[in-house]
C-alpha atoms as a PDB file:
ATOM      1  CA  UNK A   1       0.000   0.000   0.000  1.00  0.00           C
ATOM      2  CA  UNK A   2       2.856   2.397   0.850  1.00  0.00           C
ATOM      3  CA  UNK A   3       4.446   1.721  -2.561  1.00  0.00           C
ATOM      4  CA  UNK A   4       1.183   2.572  -4.316  1.00  0.00           C
ATOM      5  CA  UNK A   5       0.766   5.824  -2.381  1.00  0.00           C
ATOM      6  CA  UNK A   6       4.404   6.760  -2.984  1.00  0.00           C
ATOM      7  CA  UNK A   7       4.017   6.040  -6.697  1.00  0.00           C
ATOM      8  CA  UNK A   8       0.861   8.170  -6.882  1.00  0.00           C
ATOM      9  CA  UNK A   9       2.577  11.033  -5.063  1.00  0.00           C
ATOM     10  CA  UNK A  10       5.604  10.863  -7.355  1.00  0.00           C
ATOM     11  CA  UNK A  11       3.370  10.775 -10.447  1.00  0.00           C
ATOM     12  CA  UNK A  12       1.476  13.824  -9.187  1.00  0.00           C
ATOM     13  CA  UNK A  13       4.686  15.766  -8.604  1.00  0.00           C
ATOM     14  CA  UNK A  14       6.053  14.855 -12.024  1.00  0.00           C
ATOM     15  CA  UNK A  15       2.765  15.786 -13.695  1.00  0.00           C
ATOM     16  CA  UNK A  16       2.905  19.156 -11.962  1.00  0.00           C
ATOM     17  CA  UNK A  17       6.467  19.684 -13.196  1.00  0.00           C
ATOM     18  CA  UNK A  18       5.326  19.000 -16.739  1.00  0.00           C
ATOM     19  CA  UNK A  19       2.876  21.896 -16.421  1.00  0.00           C
ATOM     20  CA  UNK A  20       5.462  24.292 -15.007  1.00  0.00           C
ATOM     21  CA  UNK A  21       8.316  25.930 -16.868  1.00  0.00           C
ATOM     22  CA  UNK A  22      10.734  28.657 -15.844  1.00  0.00           C
ATOM     23  CA  UNK A  23      11.277  29.673 -19.463  1.00  0.00           C
ATOM     24  CA  UNK A  24       8.970  32.704 -19.428  1.00  0.00           C
ATOM     25  CA  UNK A  25      11.722  35.211 -20.293  1.00  0.00           C
ATOM     26  CA  UNK A  26      12.880  33.112 -23.248  1.00  0.00           C
ATOM     27  CA  UNK A  27       9.393  32.474 -24.654  1.00  0.00           C
ATOM     28  CA  UNK A  28       8.288  34.745 -27.487  1.00  0.00           C
ATOM     29  CA  UNK A  29       4.578  35.558 -27.640  1.00  0.00           C
ATOM     30  CA  UNK A  30       2.638  34.581 -30.748  1.00  0.00           C
ATOM     31  CA  UNK A  31       0.195  37.017 -32.379  1.00  0.00           C
ATOM     32  CA  UNK A  32      -3.362  36.112 -31.419  1.00  0.00           C
ATOM     33  CA  UNK A  33      -5.079  33.579 -33.652  1.00  0.00           C
ATOM     34  CA  UNK A  34      -8.224  33.361 -31.531  1.00  0.00           C
ATOM     35  CA  UNK A  35     -10.569  36.261 -30.655  1.00  0.00           C
ATOM     36  CA  UNK A  36      -9.217  37.214 -27.222  1.00  0.00           C
ATOM     37  CA  UNK A  37      -7.847  40.709 -27.840  1.00  0.00           C
ATOM     38  CA  UNK A  38      -9.160  43.075 -25.178  1.00  0.00           C
ATOM     39  CA  UNK A  39     -10.070  42.969 -21.508  1.00  0.00           C
ATOM     40  CA  UNK A  40     -11.791  39.985 -19.859  1.00  0.00           C
ATOM     41  CA  UNK A  41     -12.935  39.543 -16.245  1.00  0.00           C
ATOM     42  CA  UNK A  42     -14.398  36.683 -14.239  1.00  0.00           C
ATOM     43  CA  UNK A  43     -14.060  34.760 -11.031  1.00  0.00           C
ATOM     44  CA  UNK A  44     -13.737  31.371  -9.467  1.00  0.00           C
ATOM     45  CA  UNK A  45     -12.809  29.892  -6.086  1.00  0.00           C
ATOM     46  CA  UNK A  46     -13.264  33.207  -4.287  1.00  0.00           C
ATOM     47  CA  UNK A  47     -11.035  35.238  -6.593  1.00  0.00           C
ATOM     48  CA  UNK A  48     -11.629  37.729  -9.380  1.00  0.00           C
ATOM     49  CA  UNK A  49      -9.271  37.775 -12.354  1.00  0.00           C
ATOM     50  CA  UNK A  50      -8.921  40.211 -15.227  1.00  0.00           C
ATOM     51  CA  UNK A  51      -6.870  39.477 -18.344  1.00  0.00           C
ATOM     52  CA  UNK A  52      -5.745  42.039 -20.899  1.00  0.00           C
ATOM     53  CA  UNK A  53      -4.589  40.645 -24.253  1.00  0.00           C
ATOM     54  CA  UNK A  54      -2.979  42.589 -27.097  1.00  0.00           C
ATOM     55  CA  UNK A  55      -2.914  41.449 -30.734  1.00  0.00           C
ATOM     56  CA  UNK A  56       0.858  40.821 -30.544  1.00  0.00           C
ATOM     57  CA  UNK A  57       0.295  38.070 -27.932  1.00  0.00           C
ATOM     58  CA  UNK A  58       1.444  40.026 -24.879  1.00  0.00           C
ATOM     59  CA  UNK A  59      -0.829  40.857 -21.992  1.00  0.00           C
ATOM     60  CA  UNK A  60      -1.436  41.133 -18.285  1.00  0.00           C
ATOM     61  CA  UNK A  61      -3.450  39.313 -15.647  1.00  0.00           C
ATOM     62  CA  UNK A  62      -4.538  40.682 -12.300  1.00  0.00           C
ATOM     63  CA  UNK A  63      -6.096  38.500  -9.630  1.00  0.00           C
ATOM     64  CA  UNK A  64      -7.595  39.576  -6.325  1.00  0.00           C
ATOM     65  CA  UNK A  65      -7.699  36.650  -3.935  1.00  0.00           C
ATOM     66  CA  UNK A  66      -8.697  37.525  -0.416  1.00  0.00           C
ATOM     67  CA  UNK A  67      -7.832  41.205  -0.625  1.00  0.00           C
ATOM     68  CA  UNK A  68      -4.405  40.850  -2.235  1.00  0.00           C
ATOM     69  CA  UNK A  69      -4.036  41.969  -5.856  1.00  0.00           C
ATOM     70  CA  UNK A  70      -1.381  40.264  -7.948  1.00  0.00           C
ATOM     71  CA  UNK A  71      -0.559  41.547 -11.438  1.00  0.00           C
ATOM     72  CA  UNK A  72       1.532  39.495 -13.838  1.00  0.00           C
ATOM     73  CA  UNK A  73       2.553  39.528 -17.464  1.00  0.00           C
ATOM     74  CA  UNK A  74       1.157  36.841 -19.757  1.00  0.00           C
ATOM     75  CA  UNK A  75       2.136  35.644 -23.217  1.00  0.00           C
ATOM     76  CA  UNK A  76      -0.015  33.870 -25.760  1.00  0.00           C
ATOM     77  CA  UNK A  77       1.893  30.818 -27.005  1.00  0.00           C
ATOM     78  CA  UNK A  78      -0.402  29.776 -29.840  1.00  0.00           C
ATOM     79  CA  UNK A  79      -2.367  26.529 -29.846  1.00  0.00           C
ATOM     80  CA  UNK A  80      -4.760  28.050 -27.281  1.00  0.00           C
ATOM     81  CA  UNK A  81      -2.077  28.237 -24.559  1.00  0.00           C
ATOM     82  CA  UNK A  82      -1.111  31.158 -22.324  1.00  0.00           C
ATOM     83  CA  UNK A  83       1.970  31.354 -20.086  1.00  0.00           C
ATOM     84  CA  UNK A  84       2.052  33.566 -17.021  1.00  0.00           C
ATOM     85  CA  UNK A  85       5.233  35.217 -15.759  1.00  0.00           C
ATOM     86  CA  UNK A  86       5.300  32.625 -12.983  1.00  0.00           C
ATOM     87  CA  UNK A  87       5.961  30.005 -15.650  1.00  0.00           C
ATOM     88  CA  UNK A  88       2.609  28.208 -15.467  1.00  0.00           C
ATOM     89  CA  UNK A  89       0.813  27.316 -18.687  1.00  0.00           C
ATOM     90  CA  UNK A  90      -2.958  27.560 -19.036  1.00  0.00           C
ATOM     91  CA  UNK A  91      -5.278  26.475 -21.804  1.00  0.00           C
ATOM     92  CA  UNK A  92      -7.687  29.031 -23.194  1.00  0.00           C
ATOM     93  CA  UNK A  93     -10.795  28.870 -25.362  1.00  0.00           C
ATOM     94  CA  UNK A  94     -13.553  31.199 -26.513  1.00  0.00           C
ATOM     95  CA  UNK A  95     -17.125  30.118 -27.144  1.00  0.00           C
ATOM     96  CA  UNK A  96     -20.200  32.335 -27.566  1.00  0.00           C
ATOM     97  CA  UNK A  97     -18.344  35.416 -26.312  1.00  0.00           C
ATOM     98  CA  UNK A  98     -17.086  33.735 -23.121  1.00  0.00           C
ATOM     99  CA  UNK A  99     -13.387  33.053 -22.617  1.00  0.00           C
ATOM    100  CA  UNK A 100     -12.506  30.030 -20.500  1.00  0.00           C
ATOM    101  CA  UNK A 101      -9.099  29.621 -18.873  1.00  0.00           C
ATOM    102  CA  UNK A 102      -8.190  26.165 -17.541  1.00  0.00           C
ATOM    103  CA  UNK A 103      -5.360  25.514 -15.108  1.00  0.00           C
ATOM    104  CA  UNK A 104      -4.815  22.397 -12.993  1.00  0.00           C
ATOM    105  CA  UNK A 105      -8.357  21.200 -13.560  1.00  0.00           C
ATOM    106  CA  UNK A 106     -10.024  24.486 -12.587  1.00  0.00           C
ATOM    107  CA  UNK A 107     -11.929  26.450 -15.217  1.00  0.00           C
ATOM    108  CA  UNK A 108     -12.585  30.172 -15.008  1.00  0.00           C
ATOM    109  CA  UNK A 109     -15.115  31.815 -17.332  1.00  0.00           C
ATOM    110  CA  UNK A 110     -14.447  35.432 -18.235  1.00  0.00           C
ATOM    111  CA  UNK A 111     -16.582  37.935 -20.100  1.00  0.00           C
ATOM    112  CA  UNK A 112     -15.555  40.968 -22.142  1.00  0.00           C
ATOM    113  CA  UNK A 113     -14.955  43.861 -19.746  1.00  0.00           C
ATOM    114  CA  UNK A 114     -13.656  46.843 -21.780  1.00  0.00           C
ATOM    115  CA  UNK A 115     -14.429  49.366 -19.038  1.00  0.00           C
ATOM    116  CA  UNK A 116     -13.149  47.207 -16.131  1.00  0.00           C
ATOM    117  CA  UNK A 117     -16.638  47.194 -14.616  1.00  0.00           C
ATOM    118  CA  UNK A 118     -16.226  43.592 -13.416  1.00  0.00           C
ATOM    119  CA  UNK A 119     -12.558  43.832 -12.394  1.00  0.00           C
ATOM    120  CA  UNK A 120     -11.639  43.622  -8.724  1.00  0.00           C
ATOM    121  CA  UNK A 121     -11.331  47.060  -7.136  1.00  0.00           C
ATOM    122  CA  UNK A 122      -7.761  46.277  -6.054  1.00  0.00           C
ATOM    123  CA  UNK A 123      -6.830  45.497  -9.689  1.00  0.00           C
ATOM    124  CA  UNK A 124      -8.116  48.765 -11.167  1.00  0.00           C
ATOM    125  CA  UNK A 125      -5.034  50.921 -10.515  1.00  0.00           C
ATOM    126  CA  UNK A 126      -2.417  48.251 -11.341  1.00  0.00           C
ATOM    127  CA  UNK A 127      -4.189  47.456 -14.619  1.00  0.00           C
ATOM    128  CA  UNK A 128      -4.650  51.092 -15.584  1.00  0.00           C
ATOM    129  CA  UNK A 129      -0.952  51.729 -14.926  1.00  0.00           C
ATOM    130  CA  UNK A 130       0.116  49.109 -17.502  1.00  0.00           C
ATOM    131  CA  UNK A 131      -2.535  49.688 -20.135  1.00  0.00           C
END
């Protein structure tokens, strides 16, 4: 039983490593090939996240989780993948005007938010300073 649990733990760690890369600085963004240019906001698991994507594949994400705002750069990698400056890779899709970001089995639906009406209050100033 211990061998099985150890094997499962090791497999989980290795799977997590496959999703994580420290190559953010070396990765070049790809111009958008899906309709995500603009500002998108939504929430899940008690947090609110806003993404800003530019046509050249660069962008920003700001998340407010429990009163702490965290802003990060993001790059579109093509093939419906986005990498955050922390090195994590997320899948992204758009259907009927809703963008869905998936990371580690959690999906977050975001809606167009050009005026930042749905963005977390703590993200307003950081986002406006980089836009």
